[in-house]
Amino acid sequence: MRILLTLLFFLPIMSVSALDCSKAISTLDISRCSKIEQEKVESELNKVYKRVMKNLEAKTKQSLRKAQRIWVKFRKADCDAVYAHNAPGSMSGLMYSGCMKSRAEHRIKELKEYLEPN
């Protein structure tokens, strides 16, 4: 029984790591691949944000922190609307993660402008 429970716990992890996104055909696999890509972009967004925050003066840092919090709420609301527009279809989740990824990529570009010399 323990072996079965252990296998059931690790099965989703193993199947995601074995997933070849270049050959994804099913909606489930495409959604998984989209989620993986979104997580990569989210990780990059966090790294860029932290790098930017390290290089700012206190006043600018405070303003950017406030703006970033508002942006996070905006992005969630915006992508929730995309999801609602596509619901209850099977692609609604894919559209949501695509929206989140797209907005994050755009935000990364905006944040990188803080790293450019004036």
PDB file of N, CA and C in Angstrom:
ATOM      1  N   MET A   1       0.818  -1.189   0.000  1.00  0.00           N
ATOM      2  CA  MET A   1       0.000   0.000   0.000  1.00  0.00           C
ATOM      3  C   MET A   1       0.865   1.258   0.000  1.00  0.00           C
ATOM      4  N   ARG A   2       1.938   1.257   0.800  1.00  0.00           N
ATOM      5  CA  ARG A   2       2.824   2.413   0.857  1.00  0.00           C
ATOM      6  C   ARG A   2       3.473   2.679  -0.490  1.00  0.00           C
ATOM      7  N   ILE A   3       3.862   1.613  -1.164  1.00  0.00           N
ATOM      8  CA  ILE A   3       4.499   1.774  -2.479  1.00  0.00           C
ATOM      9  C   ILE A   3       3.514   2.400  -3.456  1.00  0.00           C
ATOM     10  N   LEU A   4       2.282   1.956  -3.432  1.00  0.00           N
ATOM     11  CA  LEU A   4       1.261   2.507  -4.312  1.00  0.00           C
ATOM     12  C   LEU A   4       1.029   3.982  -4.026  1.00  0.00           C
ATOM     13  N   LEU A   5       0.940   4.350  -2.769  1.00  0.00           N
ATOM     14  CA  LEU A   5       0.747   5.754  -2.409  1.00  0.00           C
ATOM     15  C   LEU A   5       1.935   6.600  -2.833  1.00  0.00           C
ATOM     16  N   THR A   6       3.133   6.072  -2.666  1.00  0.00           N
ATOM     17  CA  THR A   6       4.339   6.784  -3.095  1.00  0.00           C
ATOM     18  C   THR A   6       4.327   7.005  -4.595  1.00  0.00           C
ATOM     19  N   LEU A   7       3.980   5.965  -5.353  1.00  0.00           N
ATOM     20  CA  LEU A   7       3.906   6.088  -6.816  1.00  0.00           C
ATOM     21  C   LEU A   7       2.848   7.095  -7.234  1.00  0.00           C
ATOM     22  N   LEU A   8       1.709   7.073  -6.576  1.00  0.00           N
ATOM     23  CA  LEU A   8       0.646   8.024  -6.903  1.00  0.00           C
ATOM     24  C   LEU A   8       1.073   9.456  -6.613  1.00  0.00           C
ATOM     25  N   PHE A   9       1.888   9.648  -5.576  1.00  0.00           N
ATOM     26  CA  PHE A   9       2.374  10.981  -5.238  1.00  0.00           C
ATOM     27  C   PHE A   9       3.331  11.501  -6.303  1.00  0.00           C
ATOM     28  N   PHE A  10       4.243  10.647  -6.771  1.00  0.00           N
ATOM     29  CA  PHE A  10       5.267  11.079  -7.713  1.00  0.00           C
ATOM     30  C   PHE A  10       4.842  10.982  -9.175  1.00  0.00           C
ATOM     31  N   LEU A  11       3.766  10.294  -9.476  1.00  0.00           N
ATOM     32  CA  LEU A  11       3.324  10.127 -10.857  1.00  0.00           C
ATOM     33  C   LEU A  11       3.091  11.444 -11.581  1.00  0.00           C
ATOM     34  N   PRO A  12       2.374  12.436 -10.985  1.00  0.00           N
ATOM     35  CA  PRO A  12       2.193  13.709 -11.692  1.00  0.00           C
ATOM     36  C   PRO A  12       3.514  14.417 -11.958  1.00  0.00           C
ATOM     37  N   ILE A  13       4.457  14.321 -11.035  1.00  0.00           N
ATOM     38  CA  ILE A  13       5.758  14.964 -11.216  1.00  0.00           C
ATOM     39  C   ILE A  13       6.505  14.296 -12.356  1.00  0.00           C
ATOM     40  N   MET A  14       6.472  12.952 -12.387  1.00  0.00           N
ATOM     41  CA  MET A  14       7.172  12.211 -13.426  1.00  0.00           C
ATOM     42  C   MET A  14       6.545  12.475 -14.792  1.00  0.00           C
ATOM     43  N   SER A  15       5.227  12.544 -14.865  1.00  0.00           N
ATOM     44  CA  SER A  15       4.579  12.735 -16.155  1.00  0.00           C
ATOM     45  C   SER A  15       4.833  14.140 -16.703  1.00  0.00           C
ATOM     46  N   VAL A  16       4.924  15.149 -15.831  1.00  0.00           N
ATOM     47  CA  VAL A  16       5.213  16.504 -16.289  1.00  0.00           C
ATOM     48  C   VAL A  16       6.645  16.593 -16.794  1.00  0.00           C
ATOM     49  N   SER A  17       7.571  15.964 -16.088  1.00  0.00           N
ATOM     50  CA  SER A  17       8.964  16.038 -16.510  1.00  0.00           C
ATOM     51  C   SER A  17       9.189  15.261 -17.793  1.00  0.00           C
ATOM     52  N   ALA A  18       8.383  14.245 -18.065  1.00  0.00           N
ATOM     53  CA  ALA A  18       8.527  13.451 -19.279  1.00  0.00           C
ATOM     54  C   ALA A  18       7.762  14.067 -20.452  1.00  0.00           C
ATOM     55  N   LEU A  19       7.023  15.106 -20.213  1.00  0.00           N
ATOM     56  CA  LEU A  19       6.202  15.732 -21.237  1.00  0.00           C
ATOM     57  C   LEU A  19       7.065  16.470 -22.252  1.00  0.00           C
ATOM     58  N   ASP A  20       6.886  16.146 -23.526  1.00  0.00           N
ATOM     59  CA  ASP A  20       7.596  16.827 -24.607  1.00  0.00           C
ATOM     60  C   ASP A  20       6.639  17.862 -25.197  1.00  0.00           C
ATOM     61  N   CYS A  21       6.828  19.108 -24.799  1.00  0.00           N
ATOM     62  CA  CYS A  21       5.893  20.165 -25.192  1.00  0.00           C
ATOM     63  C   CYS A  21       5.924  20.442 -26.692  1.00  0.00           C
ATOM     64  N   SER A  22       6.996  20.084 -27.361  1.00  0.00           N
ATOM     65  CA  SER A  22       7.041  20.289 -28.815  1.00  0.00           C
ATOM     66  C   SER A  22       6.119  19.316 -29.540  1.00  0.00           C
ATOM     67  N   LYS A  23       5.681  18.273 -28.828  1.00  0.00           N
ATOM     68  CA  LYS A  23       4.789  17.271 -29.427  1.00  0.00           C
ATOM     69  C   LYS A  23       3.422  17.233 -28.744  1.00  0.00           C
ATOM     70  N   ALA A  24       3.130  18.223 -27.930  1.00  0.00           N
ATOM     71  CA  ALA A  24       1.855  18.244 -27.202  1.00  0.00           C
ATOM     72  C   ALA A  24       0.701  18.387 -28.183  1.00  0.00           C
ATOM     73  N   ILE A  25      -0.289  17.521 -28.047  1.00  0.00           N
ATOM     74  CA  ILE A  25      -1.448  17.538 -28.944  1.00  0.00           C
ATOM     75  C   ILE A  25      -2.746  17.710 -28.165  1.00  0.00           C
ATOM     76  N   SER A  26      -2.870  16.987 -27.061  1.00  0.00           N
ATOM     77  CA  SER A  26      -4.119  17.037 -26.304  1.00  0.00           C
ATOM     78  C   SER A  26      -4.241  18.370 -25.562  1.00  0.00           C
ATOM     79  N   THR A  27      -5.454  18.736 -25.286  1.00  0.00           N
ATOM     80  CA  THR A  27      -5.713  19.973 -24.540  1.00  0.00           C
ATOM     81  C   THR A  27      -5.025  19.921 -23.180  1.00  0.00           C
ATOM     82  N   LEU A  28      -5.047  18.763 -22.541  1.00  0.00           N
ATOM     83  CA  LEU A  28      -4.418  18.622 -21.231  1.00  0.00           C
ATOM     84  C   LEU A  28      -2.911  18.858 -21.318  1.00  0.00           C
ATOM     85  N   ASP A  29      -2.259  18.246 -22.312  1.00  0.00           N
ATOM     86  CA  ASP A  29      -0.811  18.433 -22.462  1.00  0.00           C
ATOM     87  C   ASP A  29      -0.464  19.868 -22.842  1.00  0.00           C
ATOM     88  N   ILE A  30      -1.244  20.455 -23.719  1.00  0.00           N
ATOM     89  CA  ILE A  30      -1.004  21.847 -24.120  1.00  0.00           C
ATOM     90  C   ILE A  30      -1.163  22.759 -22.910  1.00  0.00           C
ATOM     91  N   SER A  31      -2.159  22.498 -22.093  1.00  0.00           N
ATOM     92  CA  SER A  31      -2.373  23.289 -20.878  1.00  0.00           C
ATOM     93  C   SER A  31      -1.218  23.124 -19.900  1.00  0.00           C
ATOM     94  N   ARG A  32      -0.740  21.902 -19.753  1.00  0.00           N
ATOM     95  CA  ARG A  32       0.409  21.660 -18.871  1.00  0.00           C
ATOM     96  C   ARG A  32       1.633  22.415 -19.370  1.00  0.00           C
ATOM     97  N   CYS A  33       1.865  22.349 -20.670  1.00  0.00           N
ATOM     98  CA  CYS A  33       3.020  23.038 -21.251  1.00  0.00           C
ATOM     99  C   CYS A  33       2.894  24.549 -21.088  1.00  0.00           C
ATOM    100  N   SER A  34       1.693  25.063 -21.267  1.00  0.00           N
ATOM    101  CA  SER A  34       1.454  26.487 -21.083  1.00  0.00           C
ATOM    102  C   SER A  34       1.739  26.898 -19.646  1.00  0.00           C
ATOM    103  N   LYS A  35       1.333  26.069 -18.711  1.00  0.00           N
ATOM    104  CA  LYS A  35       1.572  26.341 -17.289  1.00  0.00           C
ATOM    105  C   LYS A  35       3.073  26.321 -16.989  1.00  0.00           C
ATOM    106  N   ILE A  36       3.793  25.391 -17.580  1.00  0.00           N
ATOM    107  CA  ILE A  36       5.247  25.304 -17.388  1.00  0.00           C
ATOM    108  C   ILE A  36       5.905  26.573 -17.910  1.00  0.00           C
ATOM    109  N   GLU A  37       5.495  27.023 -19.094  1.00  0.00           N
ATOM    110  CA  GLU A  37       6.052  28.244 -19.681  1.00  0.00           C
ATOM    111  C   GLU A  37       5.713  29.464 -18.836  1.00  0.00           C
ATOM    112  N   GLN A  38       4.485  29.505 -18.341  1.00  0.00           N
ATOM    113  CA  GLN A  38       4.083  30.627 -17.482  1.00  0.00           C
ATOM    114  C   GLN A  38       4.944  30.665 -16.223  1.00  0.00           C
ATOM    115  N   GLU A  39       5.203  29.521 -15.631  1.00  0.00           N
ATOM    116  CA  GLU A  39       6.014  29.467 -14.410  1.00  0.00           C
ATOM    117  C   GLU A  39       7.441  29.949 -14.676  1.00  0.00           C
ATOM    118  N   LYS A  40       7.980  29.642 -15.848  1.00  0.00           N
ATOM    119  CA  LYS A  40       9.323  30.118 -16.210  1.00  0.00           C
ATOM    120  C   LYS A  40       9.336  31.643 -16.289  1.00  0.00           C
ATOM    121  N   VAL A  41       8.314  32.208 -16.929  1.00  0.00           N
ATOM    122  CA  VAL A  41       8.237  33.661 -17.066  1.00  0.00           C
ATOM    123  C   VAL A  41       8.016  34.314 -15.702  1.00  0.00           C
ATOM    124  N   GLU A  42       7.203  33.690 -14.849  1.00  0.00           N
ATOM    125  CA  GLU A  42       6.977  34.215 -13.497  1.00  0.00           C
ATOM    126  C   GLU A  42       8.295  34.256 -12.720  1.00  0.00           C
ATOM    127  N   SER A  43       9.090  33.222 -12.875  1.00  0.00           N
ATOM    128  CA  SER A  43      10.387  33.170 -12.211  1.00  0.00           C
ATOM    129  C   SER A  43      11.292  34.293 -12.711  1.00  0.00           C
ATOM    130  N   GLU A  44      11.297  34.507 -14.021  1.00  0.00           N
ATOM    131  CA  GLU A  44      12.099  35.597 -14.587  1.00  0.00           C
ATOM    132  C   GLU A  44      11.602  36.948 -14.092  1.00  0.00           C
ATOM    133  N   LEU A  45      10.285  37.118 -14.048  1.00  0.00           N
ATOM    134  CA  LEU A  45       9.700  38.364 -13.556  1.00  0.00           C
ATOM    135  C   LEU A  45      10.174  38.653 -12.131  1.00  0.00           C
ATOM    136  N   ASN A  46      10.137  37.652 -11.276  1.00  0.00           N
ATOM    137  CA  ASN A  46      10.576  37.834  -9.889  1.00  0.00           C
ATOM    138  C   ASN A  46      12.054  38.192  -9.812  1.00  0.00           C
ATOM    139  N   LYS A  47      12.874  37.550 -10.632  1.00  0.00           N
ATOM    140  CA  LYS A  47      14.308  37.843 -10.631  1.00  0.00           C
ATOM    141  C   LYS A  47      14.577  39.269 -11.095  1.00  0.00           C
ATOM    142  N   VAL A  48      13.910  39.691 -12.160  1.00  0.00           N
ATOM    143  CA  VAL A  48      14.105  41.047 -12.678  1.00  0.00           C
ATOM    144  C   VAL A  48      13.634  42.072 -11.658  1.00  0.00           C
ATOM    145  N   TYR A  49      12.483  41.830 -11.054  1.00  0.00           N
ATOM    146  CA  TYR A  49      11.952  42.754 -10.050  1.00  0.00           C
ATOM    147  C   TYR A  49      12.933  42.908  -8.884  1.00  0.00           C
ATOM    148  N   LYS A  50      13.461  41.807  -8.396  1.00  0.00           N
ATOM    149  CA  LYS A  50      14.413  41.862  -7.284  1.00  0.00           C
ATOM    150  C   LYS A  50      15.684  42.604  -7.696  1.00  0.00           C
ATOM    151  N   ARG A  51      16.154  42.356  -8.909  1.00  0.00           N
ATOM    152  CA  ARG A  51      17.361  43.042  -9.386  1.00  0.00           C
ATOM    153  C   ARG A  51      17.122  44.536  -9.499  1.00  0.00           C
ATOM    154  N   VAL A  52      15.966  44.920  -9.997  1.00  0.00           N
ATOM    155  CA  VAL A  52      15.617  46.334 -10.115  1.00  0.00           C
ATOM    156  C   VAL A  52      15.541  46.975  -8.736  1.00  0.00           C
ATOM    157  N   MET A  53      14.868  46.308  -7.812  1.00  0.00           N
ATOM    158  CA  MET A  53      14.689  46.875  -6.475  1.00  0.00           C
ATOM    159  C   MET A  53      16.028  47.098  -5.765  1.00  0.00           C
ATOM    160  N   LYS A  54      17.011  46.246  -6.034  1.00  0.00           N
ATOM    161  CA  LYS A  54      18.334  46.402  -5.416  1.00  0.00           C
ATOM    162  C   LYS A  54      19.035  47.671  -5.884  1.00  0.00           C
ATOM    163  N   ASN A  55      18.689  48.129  -7.084  1.00  0.00           N
ATOM    164  CA  ASN A  55      19.401  49.252  -7.693  1.00  0.00           C
ATOM    165  C   ASN A  55      18.687  50.596  -7.554  1.00  0.00           C
ATOM    166  N   LEU A  56      17.602  50.642  -6.820  1.00  0.00           N
ATOM    167  CA  LEU A  56      16.838  51.881  -6.722  1.00  0.00           C
ATOM    168  C   LEU A  56      17.076  52.609  -5.411  1.00  0.00           C
ATOM    169  N   GLU A  57      16.892  53.917  -5.459  1.00  0.00           N
ATOM    170  CA  GLU A  57      16.920  54.726  -4.240  1.00  0.00           C
ATOM    171  C   GLU A  57      15.624  54.477  -3.472  1.00  0.00           C
ATOM    172  N   ALA A  58      15.630  54.773  -2.196  1.00  0.00           N
ATOM    173  CA  ALA A  58      14.512  54.451  -1.302  1.00  0.00           C
ATOM    174  C   ALA A  58      13.162  54.993  -1.801  1.00  0.00           C
ATOM    175  N   LYS A  59      13.134  56.246  -2.230  1.00  0.00           N
ATOM    176  CA  LYS A  59      11.874  56.859  -2.658  1.00  0.00           C
ATOM    177  C   LYS A  59      11.321  56.161  -3.907  1.00  0.00           C
ATOM    178  N   THR A  60      12.190  55.898  -4.868  1.00  0.00           N
ATOM    179  CA  THR A  60      11.767  55.214  -6.093  1.00  0.00           C
ATOM    180  C   THR A  60      11.357  53.779  -5.779  1.00  0.00           C
ATOM    181  N   LYS A  61      12.094  53.143  -4.902  1.00  0.00           N
ATOM    182  CA  LYS A  61      11.792  51.768  -4.506  1.00  0.00           C
ATOM    183  C   LYS A  61      10.390  51.683  -3.911  1.00  0.00           C
ATOM    184  N   GLN A  62      10.059  52.634  -3.058  1.00  0.00           N
ATOM    185  CA  GLN A  62       8.735  52.666  -2.426  1.00  0.00           C
ATOM    186  C   GLN A  62       7.642  52.843  -3.486  1.00  0.00           C
ATOM    187  N   SER A  63       7.862  53.741  -4.429  1.00  0.00           N
ATOM    188  CA  SER A  63       6.878  53.984  -5.487  1.00  0.00           C
ATOM    189  C   SER A  63       6.701  52.759  -6.380  1.00  0.00           C
ATOM    190  N   LEU A  64       7.813  52.122  -6.730  1.00  0.00           N
ATOM    191  CA  LEU A  64       7.727  50.941  -7.593  1.00  0.00           C
ATOM    192  C   LEU A  64       7.051  49.781  -6.874  1.00  0.00           C
ATOM    193  N   ARG A  65       7.355  49.610  -5.595  1.00  0.00           N
ATOM    194  CA  ARG A  65       6.715  48.544  -4.825  1.00  0.00           C
ATOM    195  C   ARG A  65       5.193  48.734  -4.843  1.00  0.00           C
ATOM    196  N   LYS A  66       4.740  49.974  -4.652  1.00  0.00           N
ATOM    197  CA  LYS A  66       3.298  50.273  -4.681  1.00  0.00           C
ATOM    198  C   LYS A  66       2.727  49.981  -6.070  1.00  0.00           C
ATOM    199  N   ALA A  67       3.432  50.421  -7.100  1.00  0.00           N
ATOM    200  CA  ALA A  67       2.969  50.195  -8.474  1.00  0.00           C
ATOM    201  C   ALA A  67       2.915  48.705  -8.799  1.00  0.00           C
ATOM    202  N   GLN A  68       3.905  47.964  -8.332  1.00  0.00           N
ATOM    203  CA  GLN A  68       3.948  46.526  -8.615  1.00  0.00           C
ATOM    204  C   GLN A  68       2.780  45.798  -7.963  1.00  0.00           C
ATOM    205  N   ARG A  69       2.459  46.194  -6.757  1.00  0.00           N
ATOM    206  CA  ARG A  69       1.311  45.569  -6.083  1.00  0.00           C
ATOM    207  C   ARG A  69       0.015  45.841  -6.834  1.00  0.00           C
ATOM    208  N   ILE A  70      -0.133  47.057  -7.327  1.00  0.00           N
ATOM    209  CA  ILE A  70      -1.324  47.406  -8.119  1.00  0.00           C
ATOM    210  C   ILE A  70      -1.319  46.631  -9.432  1.00  0.00           C
ATOM    211  N   TRP A  71      -0.147  46.512 -10.054  1.00  0.00           N
ATOM    212  CA  TRP A  71      -0.030  45.779 -11.319  1.00  0.00           C
ATOM    213  C   TRP A  71      -0.421  44.311 -11.135  1.00  0.00           C
ATOM    214  N   VAL A  72       0.009  43.700 -10.029  1.00  0.00           N
ATOM    215  CA  VAL A  72      -0.325  42.298  -9.761  1.00  0.00           C
ATOM    216  C   VAL A  72      -1.838  42.123  -9.685  1.00  0.00           C
ATOM    217  N   LYS A  73      -2.507  43.042  -8.993  1.00  0.00           N
ATOM    218  CA  LYS A  73      -3.976  42.979  -8.885  1.00  0.00           C
ATOM    219  C   LYS A  73      -4.631  43.214 -10.244  1.00  0.00           C
ATOM    220  N   PHE A  74      -4.109  44.186 -11.007  1.00  0.00           N
ATOM    221  CA  PHE A  74      -4.650  44.464 -12.332  1.00  0.00           C
ATOM    222  C   PHE A  74      -4.518  43.246 -13.227  1.00  0.00           C
ATOM    223  N   ARG A  75      -3.328  42.648 -13.254  1.00  0.00           N
ATOM    224  CA  ARG A  75      -3.097  41.500 -14.132  1.00  0.00           C
ATOM    225  C   ARG A  75      -4.052  40.369 -13.789  1.00  0.00           C
ATOM    226  N   LYS A  76      -4.223  40.092 -12.521  1.00  0.00           N
ATOM    227  CA  LYS A  76      -5.138  39.024 -12.097  1.00  0.00           C
ATOM    228  C   LYS A  76      -6.555  39.323 -12.564  1.00  0.00           C
ATOM    229  N   ALA A  77      -7.020  40.549 -12.356  1.00  0.00           N
ATOM    230  CA  ALA A  77      -8.379  40.924 -12.767  1.00  0.00           C
ATOM    231  C   ALA A  77      -8.524  40.865 -14.288  1.00  0.00           C
ATOM    232  N   ASP A  78      -7.514  41.343 -15.002  1.00  0.00           N
ATOM    233  CA  ASP A  78      -7.541  41.343 -16.457  1.00  0.00           C
ATOM    234  C   ASP A  78      -7.603  39.915 -16.998  1.00  0.00           C
ATOM    235  N   CYS A  79      -6.776  39.042 -16.463  1.00  0.00           N
ATOM    236  CA  CYS A  79      -6.756  37.658 -16.935  1.00  0.00           C
ATOM    237  C   CYS A  79      -7.977  36.875 -16.456  1.00  0.00           C
ATOM    238  N   ASP A  80      -8.539  37.257 -15.319  1.00  0.00           N
ATOM    239  CA  ASP A  80      -9.813  36.664 -14.890  1.00  0.00           C
ATOM    240  C   ASP A  80     -10.905  36.980 -15.915  1.00  0.00           C
ATOM    241  N   ALA A  81     -10.867  38.184 -16.466  1.00  0.00           N
ATOM    242  CA  ALA A  81     -11.845  38.564 -17.496  1.00  0.00           C
ATOM    243  C   ALA A  81     -11.645  37.732 -18.763  1.00  0.00           C
ATOM    244  N   VAL A  82     -10.392  37.493 -19.113  1.00  0.00           N
ATOM    245  CA  VAL A  82     -10.095  36.636 -20.275  1.00  0.00           C
ATOM    246  C   VAL A  82     -10.637  35.234 -20.031  1.00  0.00           C
ATOM    247  N   TYR A  83     -10.421  34.739 -18.816  1.00  0.00           N
ATOM    248  CA  TYR A  83     -10.937  33.412 -18.460  1.00  0.00           C
ATOM    249  C   TYR A  83     -12.461  33.382 -18.570  1.00  0.00           C
ATOM    250  N   ALA A  84     -13.115  34.366 -17.988  1.00  0.00           N
ATOM    251  CA  ALA A  84     -14.578  34.422 -18.001  1.00  0.00           C
ATOM    252  C   ALA A  84     -15.116  34.492 -19.424  1.00  0.00           C
ATOM    253  N   HIS A  85     -14.424  35.226 -20.269  1.00  0.00           N
ATOM    254  CA  HIS A  85     -14.846  35.360 -21.669  1.00  0.00           C
ATOM    255  C   HIS A  85     -14.796  34.023 -22.398  1.00  0.00           C
ATOM    256  N   ASN A  86     -13.847  33.177 -22.034  1.00  0.00           N
ATOM    257  CA  ASN A  86     -13.661  31.892 -22.702  1.00  0.00           C
ATOM    258  C   ASN A  86     -14.329  30.728 -21.977  1.00  0.00           C
ATOM    259  N   ALA A  87     -14.855  30.961 -20.780  1.00  0.00           N
ATOM    260  CA  ALA A  87     -15.504  29.902 -20.006  1.00  0.00           C
ATOM    261  C   ALA A  87     -16.876  29.617 -20.591  1.00  0.00           C
ATOM    262  N   PRO A  88     -17.378  28.456 -20.480  1.00  0.00           N
ATOM    263  CA  PRO A  88     -16.828  27.287 -19.812  1.00  0.00           C
ATOM    264  C   PRO A  88     -16.011  26.392 -20.748  1.00  0.00           C
ATOM    265  N   GLY A  89     -15.484  26.906 -21.806  1.00  0.00           N
ATOM    266  CA  GLY A  89     -14.750  26.096 -22.770  1.00  0.00           C
ATOM    267  C   GLY A  89     -13.503  25.449 -22.204  1.00  0.00           C
ATOM    268  N   SER A  90     -13.059  24.403 -22.879  1.00  0.00           N
ATOM    269  CA  SER A  90     -11.886  23.661 -22.432  1.00  0.00           C
ATOM    270  C   SER A  90     -10.608  24.474 -22.579  1.00  0.00           C
ATOM    271  N   MET A  91     -10.656  25.544 -23.347  1.00  0.00           N
ATOM    272  CA  MET A  91      -9.471  26.370 -23.565  1.00  0.00           C
ATOM    273  C   MET A  91      -9.375  27.541 -22.586  1.00  0.00           C
ATOM    274  N   SER A  92     -10.358  27.697 -21.706  1.00  0.00           N
ATOM    275  CA  SER A  92     -10.353  28.857 -20.810  1.00  0.00           C
ATOM    276  C   SER A  92      -9.114  28.897 -19.916  1.00  0.00           C
ATOM    277  N   GLY A  93      -8.690  27.753 -19.405  1.00  0.00           N
ATOM    278  CA  GLY A  93      -7.490  27.695 -18.577  1.00  0.00           C
ATOM    279  C   GLY A  93      -6.240  28.037 -19.363  1.00  0.00           C
ATOM    280  N   LEU A  94      -6.189  27.563 -20.583  1.00  0.00           N
ATOM    281  CA  LEU A  94      -5.059  27.855 -21.464  1.00  0.00           C
ATOM    282  C   LEU A  94      -5.016  29.348 -21.787  1.00  0.00           C
ATOM    283  N   MET A  95      -6.157  29.924 -22.052  1.00  0.00           N
ATOM    284  CA  MET A  95      -6.223  31.354 -22.335  1.00  0.00           C
ATOM    285  C   MET A  95      -5.801  32.175 -21.110  1.00  0.00           C
ATOM    286  N   TYR A  96      -6.198  31.714 -19.920  1.00  0.00           N
ATOM    287  CA  TYR A  96      -5.823  32.398 -18.678  1.00  0.00           C
ATOM    288  C   TYR A  96      -4.308  32.379 -18.485  1.00  0.00           C
ATOM    289  N   SER A  97      -3.703  31.200 -18.587  1.00  0.00           N
ATOM    290  CA  SER A  97      -2.255  31.126 -18.376  1.00  0.00           C
ATOM    291  C   SER A  97      -1.504  31.874 -19.470  1.00  0.00           C
ATOM    292  N   GLY A  98      -2.039  31.873 -20.689  1.00  0.00           N
ATOM    293  CA  GLY A  98      -1.428  32.655 -21.762  1.00  0.00           C
ATOM    294  C   GLY A  98      -1.487  34.143 -21.468  1.00  0.00           C
ATOM    295  N   CYS A  99      -2.588  34.584 -20.921  1.00  0.00           N
ATOM    296  CA  CYS A  99      -2.748  35.989 -20.537  1.00  0.00           C
ATOM    297  C   CYS A  99      -1.750  36.357 -19.438  1.00  0.00           C
ATOM    298  N   MET A 100      -1.668  35.527 -18.411  1.00  0.00           N
ATOM    299  CA  MET A 100      -0.748  35.791 -17.312  1.00  0.00           C
ATOM    300  C   MET A 100       0.690  35.854 -17.815  1.00  0.00           C
ATOM    301  N   LYS A 101       1.043  34.943 -18.696  1.00  0.00           N
ATOM    302  CA  LYS A 101       2.402  34.897 -19.247  1.00  0.00           C
ATOM    303  C   LYS A 101       2.678  36.137 -20.089  1.00  0.00           C
ATOM    304  N   SER A 102       1.738  36.490 -20.945  1.00  0.00           N
ATOM    305  CA  SER A 102       1.899  37.652 -21.825  1.00  0.00           C
ATOM    306  C   SER A 102       2.052  38.942 -21.022  1.00  0.00           C
ATOM    307  N   ARG A 103       1.206  39.109 -20.010  1.00  0.00           N
ATOM    308  CA  ARG A 103       1.289  40.314 -19.179  1.00  0.00           C
ATOM    309  C   ARG A 103       2.615  40.362 -18.423  1.00  0.00           C
ATOM    310  N   ALA A 104       3.086  39.198 -17.961  1.00  0.00           N
ATOM    311  CA  ALA A 104       4.355  39.138 -17.231  1.00  0.00           C
ATOM    312  C   ALA A 104       5.526  39.483 -18.155  1.00  0.00           C
ATOM    313  N   GLU A 105       5.499  38.981 -19.385  1.00  0.00           N
ATOM    314  CA  GLU A 105       6.572  39.287 -20.339  1.00  0.00           C
ATOM    315  C   GLU A 105       6.633  40.792 -20.610  1.00  0.00           C
ATOM    316  N   HIS A 106       5.476  41.396 -20.749  1.00  0.00           N
ATOM    317  CA  HIS A 106       5.424  42.838 -20.973  1.00  0.00           C
ATOM    318  C   HIS A 106       5.964  43.592 -19.752  1.00  0.00           C
ATOM    319  N   ARG A 107       5.592  43.115 -18.567  1.00  0.00           N
ATOM    320  CA  ARG A 107       6.054  43.780 -17.335  1.00  0.00           C
ATOM    321  C   ARG A 107       7.567  43.640 -17.173  1.00  0.00           C
ATOM    322  N   ILE A 108       8.116  42.521 -17.564  1.00  0.00           N
ATOM    323  CA  ILE A 108       9.563  42.330 -17.501  1.00  0.00           C
ATOM    324  C   ILE A 108      10.266  43.403 -18.332  1.00  0.00           C
ATOM    325  N   LYS A 109       9.754  43.647 -19.524  1.00  0.00           N
ATOM    326  CA  LYS A 109      10.334  44.690 -20.392  1.00  0.00           C
ATOM    327  C   LYS A 109      10.249  46.053 -19.721  1.00  0.00           C
ATOM    328  N   GLU A 110       9.109  46.338 -19.098  1.00  0.00           N
ATOM    329  CA  GLU A 110       8.947  47.621 -18.408  1.00  0.00           C
ATOM    330  C   GLU A 110       9.932  47.744 -17.247  1.00  0.00           C
ATOM    331  N   LEU A 111      10.066  46.692 -16.474  1.00  0.00           N
ATOM    332  CA  LEU A 111      10.959  46.736 -15.315  1.00  0.00           C
ATOM    333  C   LEU A 111      12.416  46.887 -15.735  1.00  0.00           C
ATOM    334  N   LYS A 112      12.782  46.259 -16.830  1.00  0.00           N
ATOM    335  CA  LYS A 112      14.165  46.346 -17.303  1.00  0.00           C
ATOM    336  C   LYS A 112      14.548  47.776 -17.677  1.00  0.00           C
ATOM    337  N   GLU A 113      13.572  48.604 -17.972  1.00  0.00           N
ATOM    338  CA  GLU A 113      13.855  50.012 -18.269  1.00  0.00           C
ATOM    339  C   GLU A 113      14.471  50.716 -17.056  1.00  0.00           C
ATOM    340  N   TYR A 114      14.159  50.239 -15.850  1.00  0.00           N
ATOM    341  CA  TYR A 114      14.743  50.812 -14.637  1.00  0.00           C
ATOM    342  C   TYR A 114      16.251  50.513 -14.552  1.00  0.00           C
ATOM    343  N   LEU A 115      16.688  49.496 -15.245  1.00  0.00           N
ATOM    344  CA  LEU A 115      18.091  49.097 -15.198  1.00  0.00           C
ATOM    345  C   LEU A 115      18.938  49.875 -16.205  1.00  0.00           C
ATOM    346  N   GLU A 116      18.270  50.570 -17.132  1.00  0.00           N
ATOM    347  CA  GLU A 116      18.991  51.351 -18.135  1.00  0.00           C
ATOM    348  C   GLU A 116      19.446  52.677 -17.536  1.00  0.00           C
ATOM    349  N   PRO A 117      20.630  53.118 -17.927  1.00  0.00           N
ATOM    350  CA  PRO A 117      21.111  54.419 -17.403  1.00  0.00           C
ATOM    351  C   PRO A 117      20.248  55.567 -17.901  1.00  0.00           C
ATOM    352  N   ASN A 118      20.104  56.592 -17.081  1.00  0.00           N
ATOM    353  CA  ASN A 118      19.280  57.764 -17.447  1.00  0.00           C
ATOM    354  C   ASN A 118      19.977  58.614 -18.456  1.00  0.00           C
TER     355      ASN A 118
END
